[in-house]
Amino acid sequence: MEKSGVTEFDLKNMADAFKLQGNKCMQRKWYPDAIRLYTVAVALCDDNAVYHCNRAAAYTQFRMYTEAIRDCNKAIEIDPNYKKAYSRLGFAYYAQGNYTEAVEKGFRKALQLDPNNESIIGNIQAAEQKLGEGRLNT
């Protein structure tokens, strides 16, 4: 770009702007709009774990669990220590009724990264209770 006093086009800043708008849509529970905005952020900057993880949250709220799981896995691939991605992965599996995957692939990994997180401990207990109920009903 020509140096005319104008800041160079910055994809990361633009992607962050779309993410912030997506966050506002999430607060208003406008999940399809949030998904669209996060998708633009991902398109502009595909190597950002937060954008994928935020879109996963929107997908989960819109009951699109397969898409949420895909985005959580992408976020984890980008940042293997991103506890929120593991927690959201667990929640998406839980919402599908896949309690074993919720515990093993999601919540337990999140707990390893944040051992004192009461919310994650509660999620594990809830999933394990569902697993126990399933065994009793078979």
N, C-alpha and C. Protein backbone atom coordinates (compact mmCIF):
# COMPACT_ATOMS: atom_id res chain seq x y z
N MET A 1 0.83 -1.19 0.00
CA MET A 1 0.00 0.00 0.00
C MET A 1 0.86 1.24 0.00
N GLU A 2 0.35 2.25 -0.55
CA GLU A 2 1.04 3.53 -0.63
C GLU A 2 1.10 4.18 0.74
N LYS A 3 2.22 4.82 1.03
CA LYS A 3 2.38 5.48 2.33
C LYS A 3 1.86 6.90 2.23
N SER A 4 0.60 7.06 2.54
CA SER A 4 -0.03 8.39 2.45
C SER A 4 -0.61 8.81 3.79
N GLY A 5 -0.02 8.31 4.86
CA GLY A 5 -0.52 8.64 6.18
C GLY A 5 -1.66 7.73 6.62
N VAL A 6 -2.10 6.86 5.75
CA VAL A 6 -3.17 5.94 6.08
C VAL A 6 -2.54 4.67 6.64
N THR A 7 -3.08 4.17 7.73
CA THR A 7 -2.57 2.94 8.33
C THR A 7 -2.76 1.79 7.35
N GLU A 8 -1.77 0.95 7.27
CA GLU A 8 -1.86 -0.21 6.39
C GLU A 8 -3.05 -1.08 6.79
N PHE A 9 -3.67 -1.67 5.80
CA PHE A 9 -4.81 -2.56 6.01
C PHE A 9 -4.38 -3.69 6.94
N ASP A 10 -5.09 -3.87 8.04
CA ASP A 10 -4.70 -4.85 9.04
C ASP A 10 -5.83 -5.86 9.25
N LEU A 11 -5.63 -7.05 8.73
CA LEU A 11 -6.67 -8.09 8.83
C LEU A 11 -7.02 -8.43 10.27
N LYS A 12 -6.01 -8.46 11.13
CA LYS A 12 -6.25 -8.82 12.54
C LYS A 12 -7.17 -7.81 13.21
N ASN A 13 -6.93 -6.51 12.98
CA ASN A 13 -7.79 -5.49 13.58
C ASN A 13 -9.20 -5.59 13.03
N MET A 14 -9.32 -5.85 11.74
CA MET A 14 -10.63 -5.99 11.13
C MET A 14 -11.34 -7.23 11.70
N ALA A 15 -10.62 -8.33 11.82
CA ALA A 15 -11.19 -9.55 12.38
C ALA A 15 -11.65 -9.31 13.82
N ASP A 16 -10.84 -8.58 14.59
CA ASP A 16 -11.22 -8.27 15.98
C ASP A 16 -12.51 -7.45 16.02
N ALA A 17 -12.68 -6.55 15.08
CA ALA A 17 -13.90 -5.74 15.04
C ALA A 17 -15.12 -6.63 14.80
N PHE A 18 -14.99 -7.60 13.89
CA PHE A 18 -16.10 -8.52 13.65
C PHE A 18 -16.36 -9.39 14.88
N LYS A 19 -15.29 -9.81 15.56
CA LYS A 19 -15.45 -10.60 16.79
C LYS A 19 -16.21 -9.80 17.84
N LEU A 20 -15.85 -8.54 18.01
CA LEU A 20 -16.53 -7.71 19.01
C LEU A 20 -18.01 -7.54 18.68
N GLN A 21 -18.33 -7.39 17.40
CA GLN A 21 -19.74 -7.31 17.00
C GLN A 21 -20.45 -8.64 17.26
N GLY A 22 -19.73 -9.73 17.01
CA GLY A 22 -20.28 -11.06 17.32
C GLY A 22 -20.56 -11.21 18.81
N ASN A 23 -19.65 -10.71 19.63
CA ASN A 23 -19.85 -10.75 21.08
C ASN A 23 -21.11 -9.99 21.48
N LYS A 24 -21.34 -8.84 20.85
CA LYS A 24 -22.55 -8.06 21.15
C LYS A 24 -23.80 -8.84 20.77
N CYS A 25 -23.74 -9.52 19.64
CA CYS A 25 -24.88 -10.35 19.22
C CYS A 25 -25.11 -11.49 20.21
N MET A 26 -24.04 -12.09 20.71
CA MET A 26 -24.18 -13.16 21.71
C MET A 26 -24.89 -12.63 22.95
N GLN A 27 -24.51 -11.43 23.40
CA GLN A 27 -25.14 -10.85 24.58
C GLN A 27 -26.64 -10.64 24.37
N ARG A 28 -27.02 -10.35 23.13
CA ARG A 28 -28.44 -10.12 22.80
C ARG A 28 -29.15 -11.42 22.41
N LYS A 29 -28.40 -12.52 22.42
CA LYS A 29 -28.92 -13.84 22.03
C LYS A 29 -29.33 -13.89 20.55
N TRP A 30 -28.63 -13.14 19.73
CA TRP A 30 -28.83 -13.15 18.29
C TRP A 30 -27.80 -14.10 17.68
N TYR A 31 -28.00 -15.37 17.92
CA TYR A 31 -26.99 -16.37 17.59
C TYR A 31 -26.68 -16.50 16.10
N PRO A 32 -27.67 -16.49 15.20
CA PRO A 32 -27.32 -16.57 13.77
C PRO A 32 -26.44 -15.39 13.32
N ASP A 33 -26.74 -14.20 13.84
CA ASP A 33 -25.92 -13.03 13.50
C ASP A 33 -24.51 -13.19 14.06
N ALA A 34 -24.42 -13.68 15.29
CA ALA A 34 -23.10 -13.91 15.90
C ALA A 34 -22.30 -14.90 15.07
N ILE A 35 -22.94 -15.98 14.63
CA ILE A 35 -22.26 -16.97 13.80
C ILE A 35 -21.71 -16.32 12.53
N ARG A 36 -22.53 -15.51 11.88
CA ARG A 36 -22.08 -14.84 10.65
C ARG A 36 -20.89 -13.92 10.92
N LEU A 37 -20.95 -13.15 11.99
CA LEU A 37 -19.86 -12.22 12.31
C LEU A 37 -18.57 -12.96 12.68
N TYR A 38 -18.69 -14.01 13.49
CA TYR A 38 -17.50 -14.80 13.83
C TYR A 38 -16.94 -15.49 12.59
N THR A 39 -17.81 -15.88 11.68
CA THR A 39 -17.35 -16.52 10.44
C THR A 39 -16.50 -15.56 9.62
N VAL A 40 -16.88 -14.30 9.59
CA VAL A 40 -16.07 -13.30 8.89
C VAL A 40 -14.71 -13.15 9.59
N ALA A 41 -14.74 -13.11 10.92
CA ALA A 41 -13.47 -13.00 11.67
C ALA A 41 -12.57 -14.19 11.36
N VAL A 42 -13.14 -15.39 11.32
CA VAL A 42 -12.37 -16.60 11.00
C VAL A 42 -11.82 -16.51 9.58
N ALA A 43 -12.64 -16.02 8.65
CA ALA A 43 -12.19 -15.91 7.26
C ALA A 43 -11.03 -14.93 7.13
N LEU A 44 -11.04 -13.89 7.93
CA LEU A 44 -9.96 -12.90 7.87
C LEU A 44 -8.70 -13.37 8.59
N CYS A 45 -8.88 -14.20 9.61
CA CYS A 45 -7.75 -14.60 10.44
C CYS A 45 -8.01 -16.01 10.97
N ASP A 46 -7.76 -17.00 10.13
CA ASP A 46 -8.12 -18.39 10.44
C ASP A 46 -7.28 -19.02 11.55
N ASP A 47 -6.18 -18.40 11.90
CA ASP A 47 -5.28 -19.00 12.90
C ASP A 47 -5.49 -18.44 14.30
N ASN A 48 -6.68 -17.91 14.57
CA ASN A 48 -6.98 -17.35 15.88
C ASN A 48 -7.96 -18.29 16.60
N ALA A 49 -7.49 -18.90 17.68
CA ALA A 49 -8.30 -19.87 18.42
C ALA A 49 -9.56 -19.24 19.01
N VAL A 50 -9.48 -17.99 19.44
CA VAL A 50 -10.62 -17.32 20.07
C VAL A 50 -11.78 -17.19 19.09
N TYR A 51 -11.50 -16.84 17.84
CA TYR A 51 -12.58 -16.68 16.86
C TYR A 51 -13.32 -18.00 16.67
N HIS A 52 -12.56 -19.08 16.55
CA HIS A 52 -13.19 -20.40 16.39
C HIS A 52 -13.99 -20.77 17.64
N CYS A 53 -13.43 -20.51 18.80
CA CYS A 53 -14.08 -20.87 20.06
C CYS A 53 -15.35 -20.04 20.28
N ASN A 54 -15.30 -18.76 19.93
CA ASN A 54 -16.49 -17.93 20.07
C ASN A 54 -17.59 -18.40 19.12
N ARG A 55 -17.20 -18.75 17.89
CA ARG A 55 -18.21 -19.25 16.95
C ARG A 55 -18.79 -20.57 17.47
N ALA A 56 -17.95 -21.39 18.09
CA ALA A 56 -18.43 -22.64 18.69
C ALA A 56 -19.50 -22.36 19.74
N ALA A 57 -19.29 -21.33 20.54
CA ALA A 57 -20.29 -20.97 21.56
C ALA A 57 -21.61 -20.58 20.90
N ALA A 58 -21.52 -19.81 19.83
CA ALA A 58 -22.74 -19.41 19.11
C ALA A 58 -23.42 -20.62 18.48
N TYR A 59 -22.63 -21.49 17.86
CA TYR A 59 -23.20 -22.72 17.29
C TYR A 59 -23.91 -23.54 18.36
N THR A 60 -23.30 -23.65 19.52
CA THR A 60 -23.90 -24.44 20.61
C THR A 60 -25.23 -23.82 21.04
N GLN A 61 -25.26 -22.52 21.18
CA GLN A 61 -26.50 -21.86 21.58
C GLN A 61 -27.59 -22.03 20.53
N PHE A 62 -27.19 -22.20 19.27
CA PHE A 62 -28.13 -22.38 18.17
C PHE A 62 -28.36 -23.87 17.88
N ARG A 63 -27.86 -24.73 18.78
CA ARG A 63 -28.02 -26.18 18.73
C ARG A 63 -27.38 -26.81 17.49
N MET A 64 -26.30 -26.21 17.03
CA MET A 64 -25.53 -26.76 15.91
C MET A 64 -24.26 -27.39 16.50
N TYR A 65 -24.44 -28.53 17.16
CA TYR A 65 -23.38 -29.12 17.97
C TYR A 65 -22.23 -29.67 17.15
N THR A 66 -22.51 -30.26 16.01
CA THR A 66 -21.43 -30.79 15.17
C THR A 66 -20.49 -29.67 14.73
N GLU A 67 -21.06 -28.54 14.36
CA GLU A 67 -20.26 -27.39 13.95
C GLU A 67 -19.47 -26.84 15.14
N ALA A 68 -20.10 -26.83 16.31
CA ALA A 68 -19.42 -26.35 17.53
C ALA A 68 -18.22 -27.24 17.84
N ILE A 69 -18.42 -28.55 17.74
CA ILE A 69 -17.32 -29.49 18.01
C ILE A 69 -16.18 -29.27 17.02
N ARG A 70 -16.52 -29.09 15.76
CA ARG A 70 -15.50 -28.84 14.75
C ARG A 70 -14.69 -27.59 15.09
N ASP A 71 -15.39 -26.51 15.47
CA ASP A 71 -14.69 -25.26 15.79
C ASP A 71 -13.85 -25.39 17.06
N CYS A 72 -14.36 -26.10 18.05
CA CYS A 72 -13.56 -26.31 19.27
C CYS A 72 -12.29 -27.09 18.95
N ASN A 73 -12.42 -28.11 18.13
CA ASN A 73 -11.23 -28.89 17.75
C ASN A 73 -10.23 -28.04 16.99
N LYS A 74 -10.70 -27.14 16.13
CA LYS A 74 -9.80 -26.24 15.40
C LYS A 74 -9.11 -25.29 16.38
N ALA A 75 -9.87 -24.76 17.35
CA ALA A 75 -9.28 -23.87 18.35
C ALA A 75 -8.20 -24.60 19.15
N ILE A 76 -8.46 -25.85 19.49
CA ILE A 76 -7.49 -26.65 20.25
C ILE A 76 -6.26 -26.96 19.39
N GLU A 77 -6.47 -27.20 18.11
CA GLU A 77 -5.35 -27.42 17.19
C GLU A 77 -4.45 -26.18 17.15
N ILE A 78 -5.07 -25.01 17.15
CA ILE A 78 -4.31 -23.75 17.11
C ILE A 78 -3.62 -23.50 18.45
N ASP A 79 -4.34 -23.72 19.54
CA ASP A 79 -3.81 -23.48 20.89
C ASP A 79 -4.17 -24.64 21.80
N PRO A 80 -3.28 -25.63 21.91
CA PRO A 80 -3.57 -26.83 22.71
C PRO A 80 -3.76 -26.57 24.21
N ASN A 81 -3.48 -25.37 24.67
CA ASN A 81 -3.64 -25.04 26.09
C ASN A 81 -4.81 -24.10 26.35
N TYR A 82 -5.72 -24.02 25.41
CA TYR A 82 -6.87 -23.11 25.52
C TYR A 82 -8.01 -23.81 26.25
N LYS A 83 -8.07 -23.59 27.56
CA LYS A 83 -9.03 -24.32 28.40
C LYS A 83 -10.47 -24.06 28.01
N LYS A 84 -10.79 -22.85 27.59
CA LYS A 84 -12.17 -22.54 27.22
C LYS A 84 -12.62 -23.38 26.03
N ALA A 85 -11.70 -23.67 25.11
CA ALA A 85 -12.05 -24.51 23.96
C ALA A 85 -12.39 -25.93 24.42
N TYR A 86 -11.63 -26.46 25.37
CA TYR A 86 -11.93 -27.79 25.90
C TYR A 86 -13.26 -27.79 26.65
N SER A 87 -13.51 -26.75 27.41
CA SER A 87 -14.75 -26.65 28.17
C SER A 87 -15.94 -26.57 27.22
N ARG A 88 -15.82 -25.75 26.19
CA ARG A 88 -16.91 -25.64 25.21
C ARG A 88 -17.08 -26.93 24.41
N LEU A 89 -15.98 -27.61 24.15
CA LEU A 89 -16.06 -28.91 23.48
C LEU A 89 -16.86 -29.88 24.34
N GLY A 90 -16.55 -29.90 25.63
CA GLY A 90 -17.28 -30.76 26.56
C GLY A 90 -18.76 -30.41 26.58
N PHE A 91 -19.06 -29.13 26.58
CA PHE A 91 -20.46 -28.71 26.61
C PHE A 91 -21.20 -29.13 25.35
N ALA A 92 -20.55 -29.01 24.19
CA ALA A 92 -21.19 -29.40 22.93
C ALA A 92 -21.47 -30.91 22.92
N TYR A 93 -20.49 -31.70 23.35
CA TYR A 93 -20.72 -33.15 23.44
C TYR A 93 -21.84 -33.46 24.44
N TYR A 94 -21.83 -32.76 25.56
CA TYR A 94 -22.86 -32.97 26.58
C TYR A 94 -24.24 -32.67 25.99
N ALA A 95 -24.35 -31.58 25.27
CA ALA A 95 -25.63 -31.19 24.68
C ALA A 95 -26.11 -32.22 23.66
N GLN A 96 -25.19 -32.93 23.03
CA GLN A 96 -25.54 -34.01 22.10
C GLN A 96 -25.96 -35.27 22.85
N GLY A 97 -25.72 -35.31 24.14
CA GLY A 97 -25.98 -36.52 24.90
C GLY A 97 -24.80 -37.48 24.90
N ASN A 98 -23.66 -37.01 24.43
CA ASN A 98 -22.45 -37.83 24.35
C ASN A 98 -21.60 -37.51 25.59
N TYR A 99 -22.01 -38.07 26.72
CA TYR A 99 -21.41 -37.72 28.00
C TYR A 99 -19.99 -38.23 28.17
N THR A 100 -19.68 -39.38 27.60
CA THR A 100 -18.31 -39.91 27.69
C THR A 100 -17.33 -38.97 27.00
N GLU A 101 -17.67 -38.56 25.77
CA GLU A 101 -16.80 -37.63 25.04
C GLU A 101 -16.72 -36.29 25.77
N ALA A 102 -17.85 -35.86 26.34
CA ALA A 102 -17.87 -34.59 27.07
C ALA A 102 -16.83 -34.60 28.18
N VAL A 103 -16.79 -35.72 28.92
CA VAL A 103 -15.84 -35.82 30.03
C VAL A 103 -14.42 -36.01 29.51
N GLU A 104 -14.24 -36.99 28.64
CA GLU A 104 -12.88 -37.39 28.24
C GLU A 104 -12.19 -36.39 27.31
N LYS A 105 -12.91 -35.88 26.33
CA LYS A 105 -12.28 -34.98 25.34
C LYS A 105 -12.39 -33.52 25.72
N GLY A 106 -13.36 -33.21 26.58
CA GLY A 106 -13.58 -31.81 26.91
C GLY A 106 -13.26 -31.45 28.33
N PHE A 107 -14.17 -31.80 29.23
CA PHE A 107 -14.09 -31.30 30.60
C PHE A 107 -12.82 -31.72 31.33
N ARG A 108 -12.39 -32.98 31.19
CA ARG A 108 -11.18 -33.42 31.90
C ARG A 108 -9.93 -32.67 31.43
N LYS A 109 -9.85 -32.41 30.13
CA LYS A 109 -8.71 -31.65 29.60
C LYS A 109 -8.75 -30.23 30.13
N ALA A 110 -9.95 -29.64 30.18
CA ALA A 110 -10.08 -28.28 30.71
C ALA A 110 -9.65 -28.24 32.18
N LEU A 111 -10.04 -29.29 32.93
CA LEU A 111 -9.68 -29.34 34.35
C LEU A 111 -8.18 -29.51 34.54
N GLN A 112 -7.52 -30.24 33.66
CA GLN A 112 -6.06 -30.36 33.73
C GLN A 112 -5.40 -28.99 33.60
N LEU A 113 -5.98 -28.13 32.78
CA LEU A 113 -5.41 -26.79 32.57
C LEU A 113 -5.81 -25.80 33.66
N ASP A 114 -6.91 -26.09 34.35
CA ASP A 114 -7.42 -25.21 35.41
C ASP A 114 -7.98 -26.08 36.54
N PRO A 115 -7.09 -26.68 37.35
CA PRO A 115 -7.49 -27.70 38.32
C PRO A 115 -8.47 -27.25 39.40
N ASN A 116 -8.58 -25.98 39.66
CA ASN A 116 -9.45 -25.52 40.74
C ASN A 116 -10.75 -24.90 40.24
N ASN A 117 -11.06 -25.08 38.98
CA ASN A 117 -12.25 -24.46 38.40
C ASN A 117 -13.50 -25.24 38.81
N GLU A 118 -14.28 -24.66 39.69
CA GLU A 118 -15.48 -25.32 40.23
C GLU A 118 -16.52 -25.59 39.14
N SER A 119 -16.61 -24.71 38.17
CA SER A 119 -17.59 -24.88 37.10
C SER A 119 -17.27 -26.13 36.28
N ILE A 120 -16.01 -26.32 35.97
CA ILE A 120 -15.60 -27.50 35.20
C ILE A 120 -15.83 -28.77 36.03
N ILE A 121 -15.50 -28.71 37.32
CA ILE A 121 -15.73 -29.85 38.20
C ILE A 121 -17.22 -30.19 38.22
N GLY A 122 -18.06 -29.19 38.29
CA GLY A 122 -19.51 -29.41 38.27
C GLY A 122 -19.97 -30.02 36.96
N ASN A 123 -19.37 -29.58 35.84
CA ASN A 123 -19.73 -30.15 34.53
C ASN A 123 -19.35 -31.63 34.45
N ILE A 124 -18.20 -31.96 34.98
CA ILE A 124 -17.77 -33.37 35.00
C ILE A 124 -18.75 -34.19 35.83
N GLN A 125 -19.12 -33.69 37.01
CA GLN A 125 -20.05 -34.40 37.87
C GLN A 125 -21.41 -34.59 37.19
N ALA A 126 -21.88 -33.56 36.50
CA ALA A 126 -23.17 -33.67 35.80
C ALA A 126 -23.11 -34.71 34.69
N ALA A 127 -22.02 -34.69 33.93
CA ALA A 127 -21.88 -35.67 32.84
C ALA A 127 -21.75 -37.08 33.40
N GLU A 128 -20.98 -37.24 34.46
CA GLU A 128 -20.82 -38.57 35.06
C GLU A 128 -22.14 -39.06 35.65
N GLN A 129 -22.93 -38.15 36.20
CA GLN A 129 -24.25 -38.54 36.70
C GLN A 129 -25.12 -39.03 35.54
N LYS A 130 -25.08 -38.34 34.41
CA LYS A 130 -25.85 -38.77 33.24
C LYS A 130 -25.37 -40.14 32.76
N LEU A 131 -24.05 -40.34 32.80
CA LEU A 131 -23.51 -41.65 32.42
C LEU A 131 -24.03 -42.74 33.36
N GLY A 132 -24.05 -42.44 34.64
CA GLY A 132 -24.56 -43.40 35.62
C GLY A 132 -26.03 -43.70 35.41
N GLU A 133 -26.81 -42.69 35.10
CA GLU A 133 -28.24 -42.87 34.83
C GLU A 133 -28.44 -43.75 33.60
N GLY A 134 -27.58 -43.55 32.61
CA GLY A 134 -27.67 -44.36 31.39
C GLY A 134 -27.41 -45.82 31.65
N ARG A 135 -26.46 -46.09 32.54
CA ARG A 135 -26.16 -47.50 32.90
C ARG A 135 -27.31 -48.14 33.66
N LEU A 136 -27.98 -47.33 34.47
CA LEU A 136 -29.11 -47.87 35.24
C LEU A 136 -30.30 -48.18 34.35
N ASN A 137 -30.43 -47.46 33.25
CA ASN A 137 -31.57 -47.64 32.37
C ASN A 137 -31.35 -48.72 31.31
N THR A 138 -30.19 -49.33 31.28
CA THR A 138 -29.94 -50.37 30.25
C THR A 138 -30.13 -51.74 30.81
